[in-house]
Protein backbone atom coordinates (compact mmCIF):
# COMPACT_ATOMS: atom_id res chain seq x y z
CA MET A 1 -84.08 22.16 2.84
CA ARG A 2 -81.05 22.17 5.10
CA PRO A 3 -79.99 25.54 6.50
CA CYS A 4 -76.76 27.07 5.27
CA VAL A 5 -74.15 26.70 7.98
CA CYS A 6 -70.70 28.17 7.56
CA PRO A 7 -68.52 26.25 10.02
CA ASP A 8 -65.67 27.85 11.93
CA VAL A 9 -63.75 24.57 12.01
CA TRP A 10 -63.16 22.42 8.96
CA ASN A 11 -63.72 18.69 9.35
CA ALA A 12 -61.64 17.05 6.64
CA THR A 13 -63.85 13.94 6.74
CA GLN A 14 -66.93 15.93 5.71
CA VAL A 15 -67.69 16.62 2.09
CA PRO A 16 -70.41 19.27 1.70
CA ASP A 17 -73.42 18.19 -0.31
CA ALA A 18 -75.40 20.45 -2.58
CA TRP A 19 -78.56 21.75 -1.00
CA ASP A 20 -81.86 20.00 -1.51
CA TRP A 21 -83.62 22.22 -4.01
CA PRO A 22 -87.38 22.55 -4.44
CA SER A 23 -88.28 20.83 -7.69
CA LEU A 24 -89.93 22.87 -10.41
CA PRO A 25 -92.21 20.79 -12.65
CA VAL A 26 -91.20 21.62 -16.20
CA VAL A 27 -92.78 20.23 -19.38
CA SER A 28 -90.96 20.47 -22.73
CA LYS A 29 -92.76 19.64 -25.95
CA THR A 30 -92.74 20.30 -29.68
CA LEU A 31 -96.22 21.05 -31.00
CA ALA A 32 -97.70 20.07 -34.36
CA ASN A 33 -97.38 23.65 -35.61
CA GLY A 34 -93.62 23.49 -35.02
CA LEU A 35 -93.55 25.54 -31.83
CA ARG A 36 -91.16 24.29 -29.14
CA VAL A 37 -92.64 25.05 -25.73
CA ILE A 38 -91.42 24.91 -22.14
CA LEU A 39 -94.09 25.08 -19.44
CA ALA A 40 -93.52 25.63 -15.72
CA GLU A 41 -96.64 25.72 -13.54
CA ASN A 42 -96.49 27.78 -10.36
CA HIS A 43 -99.83 28.68 -8.77
CA THR A 44 -98.47 30.96 -6.06
CA VAL A 45 -99.77 34.20 -7.60
CA PRO A 46 -102.24 34.88 -10.47
CA LEU A 47 -99.53 35.89 -12.92
CA VAL A 48 -97.89 34.38 -15.97
CA PHE A 49 -94.57 35.19 -17.60
CA LEU A 50 -94.14 34.51 -21.33
CA SER A 51 -90.85 34.42 -23.17
CA TRP A 52 -89.79 33.89 -26.78
CA THR A 53 -86.10 33.00 -26.85
CA SER A 54 -84.10 32.63 -30.09
CA PRO A 55 -80.43 31.85 -30.80
CA ALA A 56 -79.87 35.35 -32.14
CA GLY A 57 -77.39 36.88 -29.72
CA PHE A 58 -74.44 39.14 -30.38
CA GLU A 59 -72.36 36.19 -31.63
CA SER A 60 -74.72 36.03 -34.62
CA ASP A 61 -73.79 39.48 -35.94
CA PRO A 62 -72.94 39.26 -39.66
CA GLN A 63 -69.47 40.50 -40.47
CA GLY A 64 -69.61 44.14 -41.43
CA LEU A 65 -73.03 44.62 -39.81
CA GLU A 66 -71.97 44.43 -36.16
CA GLY A 67 -74.77 45.76 -33.97
CA LEU A 68 -77.55 44.15 -36.02
CA ALA A 69 -78.25 41.40 -33.45
CA SER A 70 -78.71 43.89 -30.61
CA LEU A 71 -80.84 46.19 -32.79
CA THR A 72 -83.30 43.58 -34.09
CA PRO A 73 -85.25 42.73 -30.88
CA LEU A 74 -85.80 46.43 -30.24
CA LEU A 75 -87.58 46.66 -33.59
CA LEU A 76 -90.02 43.82 -32.90
CA ARG A 77 -92.53 46.15 -31.26
CA GLN A 78 -92.62 48.59 -34.18
CA GLY A 79 -95.46 46.74 -35.91
CA THR A 80 -96.49 43.39 -37.36
CA ALA A 81 -98.52 42.09 -40.28
CA HIS A 82 -101.63 42.33 -38.05
CA ARG A 83 -101.17 45.42 -35.86
CA SER A 84 -99.33 48.72 -35.89
CA GLY A 85 -96.79 49.71 -33.30
CA GLY A 86 -99.31 52.12 -31.80
CA ARG A 87 -101.98 49.45 -31.51
CA MET A 88 -99.46 47.11 -29.94
CA THR A 89 -98.61 49.70 -27.29
CA GLN A 90 -102.31 50.26 -26.59
CA GLU A 91 -102.95 46.53 -26.16
CA LEU A 92 -100.03 46.22 -23.75
CA ASP A 93 -101.42 49.11 -21.72
CA ASP A 94 -104.93 47.61 -21.72
CA LEU A 95 -103.54 44.31 -20.45
CA GLY A 96 -101.40 45.99 -17.81
CA ALA A 97 -98.54 43.95 -19.26
CA GLU A 98 -94.81 44.54 -19.05
CA LEU A 99 -92.75 43.88 -22.17
CA ALA A 100 -88.97 43.59 -22.38
CA ALA A 101 -86.99 42.92 -25.55
CA GLY A 102 -83.24 42.48 -25.77
CA SER A 103 -80.32 40.14 -26.33
CA ASP A 104 -77.05 38.92 -24.91
CA TRP A 105 -74.11 37.04 -26.42
CA ASP A 106 -76.11 33.87 -27.05
CA VAL A 107 -79.81 34.65 -27.33
CA ALA A 108 -82.41 37.27 -28.12
CA PHE A 109 -85.63 37.42 -26.15
CA LEU A 110 -89.10 38.88 -25.92
CA ASN A 111 -90.45 38.71 -22.36
CA LEU A 112 -94.02 39.51 -21.37
CA GLY A 113 -95.51 39.52 -17.87
CA LEU A 114 -99.27 39.80 -17.27
CA LEU A 115 -102.24 38.46 -15.33
CA SER A 116 -102.91 34.76 -15.83
CA CYS A 117 -106.48 35.46 -16.97
CA ASP A 118 -104.99 37.26 -20.00
CA LEU A 119 -102.75 34.37 -21.05
CA ALA A 120 -104.46 33.83 -24.43
CA ALA A 121 -104.23 37.49 -25.42
CA GLY A 122 -100.62 37.73 -24.26
CA ALA A 123 -99.55 34.56 -26.07
CA GLU A 124 -101.12 35.71 -29.34
CA LEU A 125 -99.50 39.12 -29.06
CA LEU A 126 -96.06 37.71 -28.28
CA LEU A 127 -96.18 35.22 -31.16
CA ASP A 128 -97.29 37.97 -33.51
CA MET A 129 -94.31 40.10 -32.51
CA ALA A 130 -91.83 37.25 -32.76
CA ARG A 131 -92.95 35.70 -36.03
CA ALA A 132 -94.90 38.32 -38.02
CA ALA A 133 -92.87 41.43 -37.30
CA LEU A 134 -92.50 44.11 -39.95
CA PHE A 135 -89.49 46.39 -40.04
CA PRO A 136 -90.54 49.72 -41.58
CA ASP A 137 -87.77 51.81 -43.10
CA ASP A 138 -88.64 54.81 -40.93
CA ALA A 139 -88.52 52.74 -37.73
CA VAL A 140 -85.13 51.27 -38.65
CA ALA A 141 -83.80 54.72 -39.54
CA ARG A 142 -85.05 56.19 -36.26
CA LEU A 143 -83.47 53.44 -34.14
CA ARG A 144 -80.28 53.63 -36.17
CA GLN A 145 -79.95 57.33 -35.32
CA GLN A 146 -80.56 56.59 -31.65
CA ARG A 147 -77.85 53.93 -31.74
CA LEU A 148 -75.38 56.31 -33.40
CA ALA A 149 -76.09 58.91 -30.71
CA GLU A 150 -75.47 56.30 -28.01
CA LEU A 151 -72.18 55.28 -29.61
CA GLU A 152 -71.11 58.92 -29.67
CA ARG A 153 -72.04 59.30 -25.99
CA ARG A 154 -69.98 56.23 -25.07
CA ARG A 155 -66.92 57.75 -26.74
CA ARG A 156 -67.02 60.28 -23.89
CA ASP A 157 -67.87 57.84 -21.10
CA PRO A 158 -64.75 56.57 -19.26
CA ARG A 159 -66.55 53.45 -18.03
CA ALA A 160 -67.68 52.45 -21.54
CA LEU A 161 -64.22 53.25 -22.92
CA ALA A 162 -62.59 51.02 -20.31
CA ASN A 163 -64.92 48.10 -21.01
CA GLY A 164 -64.45 48.39 -24.77
CA GLU A 165 -60.67 48.70 -24.69
CA PHE A 166 -60.36 45.77 -22.27
CA ALA A 167 -62.38 43.53 -24.62
CA ARG A 168 -60.19 44.57 -27.54
CA ALA A 169 -57.05 43.93 -25.52
CA LEU A 170 -58.17 40.36 -24.81
CA PHE A 171 -59.91 39.34 -28.01
CA GLY A 172 -58.64 41.66 -30.73
CA PRO A 173 -60.73 41.73 -33.93
CA THR A 174 -62.74 38.58 -33.09
CA VAL A 175 -66.42 38.63 -32.18
CA TYR A 176 -65.82 39.08 -28.44
CA GLY A 177 -63.58 42.07 -29.09
CA HIS A 178 -66.33 44.05 -30.81
CA SER A 179 -68.84 46.34 -29.16
CA VAL A 180 -72.23 44.64 -28.97
CA LEU A 181 -73.70 47.92 -30.22
CA GLY A 182 -71.49 47.87 -33.32
CA THR A 183 -69.51 50.85 -34.55
CA ALA A 184 -70.63 54.02 -36.25
CA ALA A 185 -69.55 52.57 -39.60
CA THR A 186 -71.36 49.22 -39.21
CA VAL A 187 -74.55 50.72 -37.76
CA GLN A 188 -74.81 53.20 -40.63
CA ARG A 189 -74.86 50.26 -43.06
CA ILE A 190 -77.84 48.54 -41.44
CA GLU A 191 -80.99 48.80 -43.56
CA ALA A 192 -84.48 47.38 -43.10
CA ALA A 193 -83.69 44.56 -45.56
CA ASP A 194 -80.78 43.46 -43.36
CA VAL A 195 -83.08 43.26 -40.33
CA VAL A 196 -85.62 41.21 -42.30
CA THR A 197 -82.93 38.77 -43.44
CA PHE A 198 -81.51 38.40 -39.93
CA HIS A 199 -84.96 37.90 -38.41
CA GLU A 200 -85.96 35.23 -40.93
CA ALA A 201 -82.75 33.31 -40.34
CA HIS A 202 -82.67 33.37 -36.53
CA TYR A 203 -86.18 33.84 -35.08
CA ARG A 204 -87.54 30.48 -36.24
CA PRO A 205 -89.97 28.23 -34.29
CA GLU A 206 -87.83 25.12 -34.82
CA THR A 207 -84.78 26.79 -33.27
CA SER A 208 -86.52 28.94 -30.64
CA TYR A 209 -88.51 28.30 -27.47
CA PHE A 210 -91.81 29.67 -26.22
CA VAL A 211 -91.85 29.61 -22.41
CA ILE A 212 -94.80 30.00 -20.04
CA ALA A 213 -94.14 30.18 -16.31
CA GLY A 214 -96.69 30.89 -13.60
CA ASN A 215 -100.36 30.27 -12.86
CA PHE A 216 -101.86 28.27 -15.74
CA ASP A 217 -102.89 24.74 -16.70
CA ASN A 218 -100.41 22.76 -18.83
CA GLU A 219 -102.94 21.00 -21.03
CA LEU A 220 -104.93 24.15 -21.70
CA ALA A 221 -101.73 26.03 -22.52
CA ILE A 222 -100.63 23.32 -24.97
CA ASP A 223 -104.02 23.45 -26.69
CA LEU A 224 -103.83 27.23 -26.87
CA LEU A 225 -100.32 27.40 -28.31
CA GLY A 226 -101.02 24.55 -30.72
CA SER A 227 -104.00 26.44 -32.17
CA PHE A 228 -101.88 29.25 -33.59
CA ASP A 229 -100.95 29.21 -37.27
CA LEU A 230 -97.33 30.28 -37.54
CA PRO A 231 -96.01 32.06 -40.63
CA PRO A 232 -93.88 29.65 -42.69
CA ALA A 233 -90.12 30.07 -42.61
CA LEU A 234 -88.95 31.75 -45.78
CA ARG A 235 -85.24 31.03 -45.69
CA ALA A 236 -83.09 28.00 -45.04
CA ILE A 237 -80.88 28.06 -41.98
CA THR A 238 -77.28 28.85 -42.77
CA PRO A 239 -74.99 27.65 -39.97
CA LEU A 240 -72.72 30.40 -38.74
CA PRO A 241 -68.98 29.70 -38.72
CA LEU A 242 -67.58 29.46 -35.22
CA PRO A 243 -65.65 32.62 -34.44
CA CYS A 244 -62.04 32.23 -33.37
CA VAL A 245 -61.40 33.80 -29.98
CA PRO A 246 -57.65 34.07 -29.41
CA ALA A 247 -56.19 35.86 -26.42
CA VAL A 248 -54.39 38.96 -27.61
CA GLU A 249 -52.91 39.59 -24.20
CA SER A 250 -49.96 41.86 -23.51
CA PRO A 251 -48.97 41.10 -19.92
CA GLY A 252 -47.05 43.79 -18.11
CA VAL A 253 -48.44 46.57 -20.30
CA VAL A 254 -50.78 49.26 -19.01
CA ARG A 255 -53.02 50.35 -21.86
CA LEU A 256 -53.74 53.98 -21.07
CA VAL A 257 -56.66 55.83 -22.69
CA ASP A 258 -56.28 59.54 -22.10
CA VAL A 259 -59.44 61.39 -21.02
CA PRO A 260 -57.97 64.73 -19.86
CA ARG A 261 -60.99 66.03 -17.96
CA ALA A 262 -61.95 62.79 -16.23
CA THR A 263 -62.53 63.36 -12.52
CA GLN A 264 -61.76 59.73 -11.68
CA THR A 265 -59.94 56.82 -13.27
CA GLU A 266 -61.50 53.61 -14.55
CA ILE A 267 -59.35 50.47 -14.19
CA ARG A 268 -59.90 47.05 -15.75
CA VAL A 269 -57.52 44.20 -14.85
CA GLY A 270 -57.78 40.58 -15.94
CA HIS A 271 -57.21 38.07 -18.71
CA SER A 272 -59.07 35.66 -20.98
CA GLY A 273 -61.04 32.95 -19.20
CA LEU A 274 -63.10 29.80 -19.49
CA ALA A 275 -65.84 28.81 -21.89
CA ARG A 276 -69.25 28.10 -20.40
CA ASP A 277 -68.96 24.30 -20.62
CA ASN A 278 -65.63 24.07 -18.76
CA GLU A 279 -65.94 21.78 -15.74
CA ASP A 280 -63.75 24.10 -13.63
CA LEU A 281 -66.11 27.05 -14.02
CA PRO A 282 -68.37 26.46 -10.94
CA ALA A 283 -65.42 26.23 -8.54
CA LEU A 284 -63.91 29.30 -10.21
CA GLU A 285 -67.14 31.13 -9.35
CA VAL A 286 -66.47 30.32 -5.69
CA LEU A 287 -62.95 31.70 -6.02
CA ASN A 288 -64.27 34.84 -7.68
CA ALA A 289 -66.84 35.36 -4.92
CA ILE A 290 -64.00 35.30 -2.39
CA LEU A 291 -61.89 37.72 -4.40
CA GLY A 292 -64.40 40.35 -5.48
CA GLY A 293 -67.96 39.06 -5.48
CA GLY A 294 -69.47 41.49 -2.98
CA PRO A 295 -68.98 44.01 -0.16
CA ALA A 296 -67.37 41.36 2.09
CA SER A 297 -64.91 40.18 -0.58
CA ARG A 298 -61.16 40.57 -0.28
CA LEU A 299 -60.93 43.33 -2.87
CA ALA A 300 -63.70 45.31 -1.17
CA ARG A 301 -62.13 44.94 2.26
CA SER A 302 -58.63 45.77 1.05
CA LEU A 303 -59.20 48.60 -1.42
CA ARG A 304 -62.35 50.17 0.02
CA GLN A 305 -62.43 49.55 3.74
CA HIS A 306 -58.76 49.36 4.72
CA GLU A 307 -56.94 51.55 2.21
CA GLY A 308 -59.79 53.81 1.01
CA LEU A 309 -58.63 53.59 -2.61
CA ALA A 310 -61.76 52.59 -4.53
CA TYR A 311 -65.23 54.03 -4.93
CA HIS A 312 -66.52 50.63 -6.00
CA ILE A 313 -64.79 47.39 -6.96
CA ARG A 314 -65.81 43.94 -8.07
CA SER A 315 -64.41 40.97 -9.94
CA ARG A 316 -66.38 38.72 -12.23
CA VAL A 317 -66.01 35.64 -14.39
CA ALA A 318 -67.81 36.02 -17.73
CA ALA A 319 -68.16 32.62 -19.40
CA ARG A 320 -69.54 32.44 -22.93
CA ARG A 321 -70.03 29.72 -25.50
CA LEU A 322 -66.53 29.93 -27.02
CA GLY A 323 -64.49 31.53 -24.28
CA GLY A 324 -64.65 34.06 -21.51
CA MET A 325 -62.76 36.42 -19.30
CA PHE A 326 -61.83 37.19 -15.73
CA VAL A 327 -61.87 40.91 -14.91
CA VAL A 328 -61.58 43.23 -11.93
CA GLU A 329 -63.46 46.52 -12.41
CA THR A 330 -63.04 49.62 -10.29
CA SER A 331 -63.17 53.42 -10.22
CA VAL A 332 -60.57 55.32 -8.19
CA ALA A 333 -59.33 58.84 -7.59
CA ASN A 334 -56.85 59.81 -10.30
CA GLU A 335 -53.95 60.00 -7.86
CA ALA A 336 -54.74 56.55 -6.43
CA ALA A 337 -54.60 54.51 -9.66
CA GLY A 338 -51.11 53.13 -9.18
CA ALA A 339 -51.71 52.08 -5.58
CA ALA A 340 -55.07 50.50 -6.51
CA LEU A 341 -53.52 48.46 -9.31
CA ALA A 342 -50.75 47.23 -7.01
CA ALA A 343 -53.35 46.21 -4.39
CA ILE A 344 -55.39 44.28 -6.98
CA ARG A 345 -52.31 42.36 -8.12
CA ARG A 346 -51.44 41.63 -4.50
CA GLU A 347 -54.88 40.16 -3.73
CA VAL A 348 -54.84 38.01 -6.86
CA GLY A 349 -51.36 36.78 -5.88
CA ARG A 350 -52.55 35.85 -2.39
CA LEU A 351 -55.08 33.42 -3.85
CA CYS A 352 -52.24 31.67 -5.67
CA ASP A 353 -49.91 31.57 -2.67
CA GLU A 354 -52.17 31.00 0.34
CA LEU A 355 -54.95 28.63 1.27
CA VAL A 356 -58.27 30.42 1.70
CA PRO A 357 -59.60 29.86 5.23
CA VAL A 358 -62.45 27.37 5.36
CA PRO A 359 -65.02 29.85 6.78
CA ASP A 360 -64.35 32.15 3.81
CA VAL A 361 -64.88 29.27 1.37
CA GLU A 362 -68.13 28.24 3.04
CA GLN A 363 -69.38 31.82 3.15
CA ALA A 364 -68.75 32.20 -0.59
CA LYS A 365 -70.57 28.95 -1.32
CA CYS A 366 -73.51 30.01 0.84
CA GLY A 367 -73.70 33.27 -1.07
CA LEU A 368 -73.76 31.52 -4.45
CA PHE A 369 -76.37 28.99 -3.32
CA GLY A 370 -78.50 31.71 -1.74
CA ALA A 371 -78.45 33.77 -4.93
CA GLU A 372 -79.50 30.76 -6.99
CA LEU A 373 -82.27 29.90 -4.56
CA ARG A 374 -83.63 33.45 -4.77
CA ARG A 375 -83.57 33.26 -8.55
CA SER A 376 -85.37 29.90 -8.51
CA GLN A 377 -88.21 31.41 -6.46
CA ASP A 378 -88.68 34.42 -8.73
CA LEU A 379 -91.32 34.01 -11.46
CA ILE A 380 -89.71 36.50 -13.84
CA ASN A 381 -86.28 34.92 -13.52
CA ILE A 382 -87.67 31.40 -14.01
CA GLY A 383 -89.50 32.37 -17.17
CA ALA A 384 -86.56 34.30 -18.58
CA THR A 385 -84.09 31.51 -17.79
CA LEU A 386 -85.80 28.36 -19.04
CA GLY A 387 -85.61 29.09 -22.75
CA ARG A 388 -82.10 30.46 -22.47
CA GLU A 389 -80.86 27.38 -20.63
CA ALA A 390 -82.56 25.04 -23.11
CA LEU A 391 -80.62 26.70 -25.92
CA GLN A 392 -77.34 27.08 -24.06
CA THR A 393 -76.77 24.08 -21.83
CA ASP A 394 -77.00 20.33 -21.76
CA PRO A 395 -79.36 18.41 -19.43
CA GLY A 396 -78.02 18.09 -15.91
CA PHE A 397 -75.87 21.22 -16.09
CA ARG A 398 -77.56 22.94 -13.17
CA GLU A 399 -77.21 19.96 -10.82
CA ARG A 400 -73.57 19.40 -11.79
CA ARG A 401 -72.87 23.06 -11.12
CA ARG A 402 -74.39 22.84 -7.63
CA GLN A 403 -72.38 19.74 -6.80
CA ALA A 404 -69.16 21.32 -8.07
CA ILE A 405 -69.73 24.43 -5.95
CA ALA A 406 -70.59 22.35 -2.87
CA THR A 407 -67.42 20.25 -3.09
CA ALA A 408 -64.98 23.13 -3.59
CA ASP A 409 -62.33 23.24 -0.84
CA PRO A 410 -59.26 25.37 -0.05
CA ASP A 411 -56.76 23.08 -1.82
CA MET A 412 -58.88 22.94 -4.95
CA LEU A 413 -59.32 26.70 -5.01
CA ARG A 414 -55.60 27.40 -4.66
CA GLY A 415 -54.95 25.03 -7.55
CA LEU A 416 -57.53 26.83 -9.67
CA ALA A 417 -56.02 30.20 -8.80
CA ARG A 418 -52.60 29.00 -9.93
CA ARG A 419 -54.08 27.72 -13.19
CA TYR A 420 -56.40 30.57 -14.08
CA LEU A 421 -55.56 33.73 -12.08
CA ASN A 422 -51.94 34.49 -12.87
CA SER A 423 -51.05 37.85 -11.31
CA GLU A 424 -48.01 38.17 -13.60
CA HIS A 425 -50.08 37.89 -16.79
CA LEU A 426 -52.82 40.39 -16.10
CA VAL A 427 -53.91 42.73 -18.87
CA THR A 428 -54.50 46.25 -17.58
CA VAL A 429 -56.58 49.06 -19.06
CA VAL A 430 -56.62 52.48 -17.40
CA VAL A 431 -58.89 55.32 -18.57
CA GLY A 432 -58.32 58.79 -17.20
CA PRO A 433 -56.10 61.87 -17.46
CA SER A 434 -52.68 60.68 -18.66
CA GLN A 435 -50.93 63.65 -17.10
CA ALA A 436 -51.90 62.39 -13.64
CA LEU A 437 -51.55 58.69 -14.44
CA GLN A 438 -48.49 58.00 -16.57
CA SER A 439 -45.93 58.72 -13.87
CA GLN A 440 -47.69 56.30 -11.48
CA PHE A 441 -46.84 53.37 -13.75
CA SER A 442 -43.64 54.35 -15.51
CA SER A 443 -41.72 54.19 -12.23
CA ASP A 444 -42.85 50.61 -11.60
CA VAL A 445 -40.63 48.01 -13.28
CA ALA A 446 -43.60 45.65 -13.48
CA TYR A 447 -45.38 47.89 -15.95
CA ARG A 448 -44.79 49.34 -19.38
CA CYS A 449 -47.23 52.16 -20.10
CA GLN A 450 -48.72 52.22 -23.59
CA ARG A 451 -50.87 55.14 -24.73
CA VAL A 452 -53.97 54.15 -26.71
CA PRO A 453 -55.30 56.92 -29.00
CA LEU A 454 -58.88 57.78 -28.15
CA GLU A 455 -59.86 57.48 -31.82
CA SER A 456 -58.97 53.79 -31.83
CA THR A 457 -61.45 53.01 -29.06
CA SER A 458 -64.53 54.14 -30.97
């Protein structure tokens, strides 16, 4: 592998190549019992990582039952047709295994890490949880109450309020504008029968992947997984309609959520962004790394180190299946909100007006490549990523992304900034005490302050 060198002088005749990456032998196969498997041998340590990944992310929430997709994986360890929740916990402890269940916008997952000598026991347990789960009424009711308590807590959390209001400002009533946890009204409607229906429709072997990564033998693993009898699917797959994701942007308006006793102000600034399959996304990641991707980024240097305005600040590009967003997130002292917002707009504007120096571009690319290399050497990340990528992306995506990052240059990045990071069309959400904040924006002709009732953010 070539070392990462960030040159001080740009040679226009050189076009940077993507790094040479260590190959990971991956086997994909559909077994006779219908199980789709992905196997990645790595004999470095005597561990294996197992993952069941299904297309059951937040986008799959049925209308009126928002929050169901994020609730379902948490219920998978409450008991199955063959073991109680208590027995399941005991077996995990006996194996010294670590279990994680959750979901994101696209997928739901069950991840299990354990010693490679316990692969058979771990695989049987994970398949039992994924395909033979029971959803007792009392378990659903208990988790529903926990979810309602969490929603109530977030109504008092300025950071959660800022994230939720920003999503609503961009995406309105569409799927990306909803809280992934649902609302109090939708969560209260969720019954055990709804969880059963959702599970039967989305956690199916023919649409899911079973991943093994780590120290094992491919042929033995295929024989093992092929020996399991899977419960038959009980329902036909009903394709979900694609949600419409319009931008409900109101440029020039500061959406102010009043939290009178807040000791600091949360700010979110940005606009709608690119879908995951957009060819400009990798180069936009380079641009984002320069703007606010870490402690050496422009936003960190300007707002934290030079002006002392922000406690923390970052920018990120969130790309999903049907759309995405660009957002700058920060917390500031209440009296510094106006100055911080002006500084953010100024740094975004600089990317549109000025060429980024070549060393800064190369440093950002090195950071992105280094992060990917670290992920590719981590057993847990490999196992958790393979099934997700098989469901989300087309073959060759990873290599195309590396090449696109490697070939990004200052002219390209300025063009992308002008296309996608318009400082005059930023949507702004501010959460804090309105008495200290409103005057900071009303005097600026670039802003029109709009109060958002706290009730509407729940």
